Amino acid sequence: MSKVLAYACSMAMILAPTITLAQEGDAAAGKLVFNKCMACHNVDTDKAKVGPPLKGVIGRQPGTVEGFKYSAAMVDFGAGKVWDEALLKTYLPNPKALVKGTKMAFAGLKTDKEIGDVIAYLKQFSTP
């Protein structure tokens, strides 16, 4: 039994970096996914469209772009939070379910791959 456990632990240690890499998004694919977002959001400028600019979104508190009029729901949601990968992975599949009362009309991204890819793309426009 201990040999089986030792083998399982060894395999987990060997495969863990591979699993982590597989979960990382592809920024080039994310650029294509972002086409679904670009009608309402800029990512390469600070200029707002229908939605706030997403340049620098990772690391920023939700609902805080100066000059953009957010819904009260988004401002309340953002209190004490920062957009990071975990929060984006929770938000992007169904924004309206997470932030009830948001003005964002987008239904959400449906696959983990799309979400990971668009996050990788957004990272390029955010400070580390």
Protein backbone atom coordinates (compact mmCIF):
# COMPACT_ATOMS: atom_id res chain seq x y z
CA MET A 1 0.00 0.00 0.00
CA SER A 2 2.81 2.42 0.82
CA LYS A 3 4.40 1.79 -2.59
CA VAL A 4 1.13 2.72 -4.29
CA LEU A 5 0.86 5.88 -2.20
CA ALA A 6 4.48 6.79 -2.91
CA TYR A 7 3.90 6.23 -6.64
CA ALA A 8 0.74 8.35 -6.61
CA CYS A 9 2.52 11.18 -4.81
CA SER A 10 5.44 10.99 -7.24
CA MET A 11 3.13 11.16 -10.24
CA ALA A 12 1.24 14.09 -8.74
CA MET A 13 4.51 15.99 -8.29
CA ILE A 14 5.56 15.21 -11.85
CA LEU A 15 2.22 16.13 -13.40
CA ALA A 16 1.40 19.19 -11.27
CA PRO A 17 3.42 21.63 -13.42
CA THR A 18 1.80 20.20 -16.56
CA ILE A 19 -1.67 20.59 -15.11
CA THR A 20 -0.91 24.17 -14.10
CA LEU A 21 0.39 24.98 -17.58
CA ALA A 22 -2.66 23.42 -19.20
CA GLN A 23 -4.93 25.69 -17.15
CA GLU A 24 -3.10 28.86 -18.23
CA GLY A 25 -4.90 30.79 -20.90
CA ASP A 26 -3.67 31.56 -24.39
CA ALA A 27 -3.48 35.34 -24.93
CA ALA A 28 -3.64 35.01 -28.73
CA ALA A 29 -6.84 32.98 -28.46
CA GLY A 30 -8.05 35.45 -25.84
CA LYS A 31 -7.74 38.28 -28.35
CA LEU A 32 -10.29 36.46 -30.50
CA VAL A 33 -12.56 35.85 -27.50
CA PHE A 34 -12.30 39.55 -26.65
CA ASN A 35 -14.08 40.28 -29.95
CA LYS A 36 -17.26 39.44 -27.99
CA CYS A 37 -16.40 42.21 -25.52
CA MET A 38 -15.02 44.95 -27.73
CA ALA A 39 -18.37 46.41 -28.76
CA CYS A 40 -18.65 47.69 -25.19
CA HIS A 41 -15.08 47.72 -23.82
CA ASN A 42 -11.65 49.02 -24.79
CA VAL A 43 -8.64 47.15 -23.54
CA ASP A 44 -5.81 49.16 -25.06
CA THR A 45 -6.96 52.67 -24.06
CA ASP A 46 -8.49 54.34 -21.02
CA LYS A 47 -11.47 55.52 -23.09
CA ALA A 48 -14.86 54.22 -21.99
CA LYS A 49 -17.43 52.91 -24.43
CA VAL A 50 -20.80 51.58 -23.27
CA GLY A 51 -18.79 49.77 -20.60
CA PRO A 52 -15.69 50.88 -18.72
CA PRO A 53 -12.23 50.43 -20.24
CA LEU A 54 -10.57 47.16 -19.28
CA LYS A 55 -7.04 48.45 -19.61
CA GLY A 56 -5.50 47.74 -16.22
CA VAL A 57 -8.54 45.81 -15.01
CA ILE A 58 -6.51 43.10 -13.29
CA GLY A 59 -5.49 44.50 -9.94
CA ARG A 60 -8.17 47.22 -9.97
CA GLN A 61 -11.15 47.42 -7.62
CA PRO A 62 -14.43 46.70 -9.43
CA GLY A 63 -16.61 49.72 -10.06
CA THR A 64 -13.91 52.35 -9.71
CA VAL A 65 -12.89 53.70 -13.13
CA GLU A 66 -12.98 57.46 -12.68
CA GLY A 67 -15.62 59.12 -14.82
CA PHE A 68 -17.55 55.94 -15.63
CA LYS A 69 -21.08 55.72 -14.23
CA TYR A 70 -21.44 52.25 -12.75
CA SER A 71 -24.62 50.73 -11.39
CA ALA A 72 -24.98 50.88 -7.61
CA ALA A 73 -24.87 47.07 -7.69
CA MET A 74 -21.38 47.06 -9.24
CA VAL A 75 -20.08 49.72 -6.87
CA ASP A 76 -21.40 47.74 -3.89
CA PHE A 77 -20.02 44.49 -5.30
CA GLY A 78 -16.58 46.02 -5.73
CA ALA A 79 -16.19 47.18 -2.12
CA GLY A 80 -13.15 45.42 -0.69
CA LYS A 81 -12.49 43.38 -3.85
CA VAL A 82 -9.87 43.46 -6.58
CA TRP A 83 -10.23 42.02 -10.06
CA ASP A 84 -7.89 39.05 -10.14
CA GLU A 85 -8.01 35.73 -11.98
CA ALA A 86 -10.19 34.06 -9.36
CA LEU A 87 -12.77 36.85 -9.31
CA LEU A 88 -12.84 37.09 -13.10
CA LYS A 89 -13.33 33.31 -13.35
CA THR A 90 -16.34 33.69 -11.09
CA TYR A 91 -17.71 36.78 -12.86
CA LEU A 92 -17.22 36.05 -16.56
CA PRO A 93 -19.47 32.98 -16.89
CA ASN A 94 -22.55 34.93 -15.76
CA PRO A 95 -22.04 38.58 -14.75
CA LYS A 96 -25.72 39.19 -14.01
CA ALA A 97 -25.92 36.26 -11.61
CA LEU A 98 -22.90 37.41 -9.61
CA VAL A 99 -23.76 41.13 -9.61
CA LYS A 100 -27.53 41.37 -9.52
CA GLY A 101 -28.48 44.79 -10.89
CA THR A 102 -25.37 45.29 -13.03
CA LYS A 103 -25.82 47.32 -16.21
CA MET A 104 -23.70 44.80 -18.12
CA ALA A 105 -26.00 43.08 -20.62
CA PHE A 106 -23.50 40.41 -21.73
CA ALA A 107 -24.66 36.87 -20.90
CA GLY A 108 -21.14 35.65 -20.17
CA LEU A 109 -18.44 33.36 -21.52
CA LYS A 110 -19.49 29.73 -21.54
CA THR A 111 -16.28 27.70 -21.44
CA ASP A 112 -13.36 27.59 -19.05
CA LYS A 113 -11.05 27.81 -22.07
CA GLU A 114 -12.61 31.07 -23.28
CA ILE A 115 -12.44 32.50 -19.77
CA GLY A 116 -8.80 31.49 -19.29
CA ASP A 117 -7.87 32.81 -22.71
CA VAL A 118 -9.54 36.20 -22.26
CA ILE A 119 -7.93 36.57 -18.82
CA ALA A 120 -4.53 35.85 -20.39
CA TYR A 121 -5.29 38.53 -22.99
CA LEU A 122 -6.39 41.07 -20.36
CA LYS A 123 -3.19 40.44 -18.39
CA GLN A 124 -1.23 41.96 -21.28
CA PHE A 125 -2.97 45.28 -20.61
CA SER A 126 -2.60 45.24 -16.83
CA THR A 127 0.39 46.04 -14.67
CA PRO A 128 1.87 43.05 -12.85
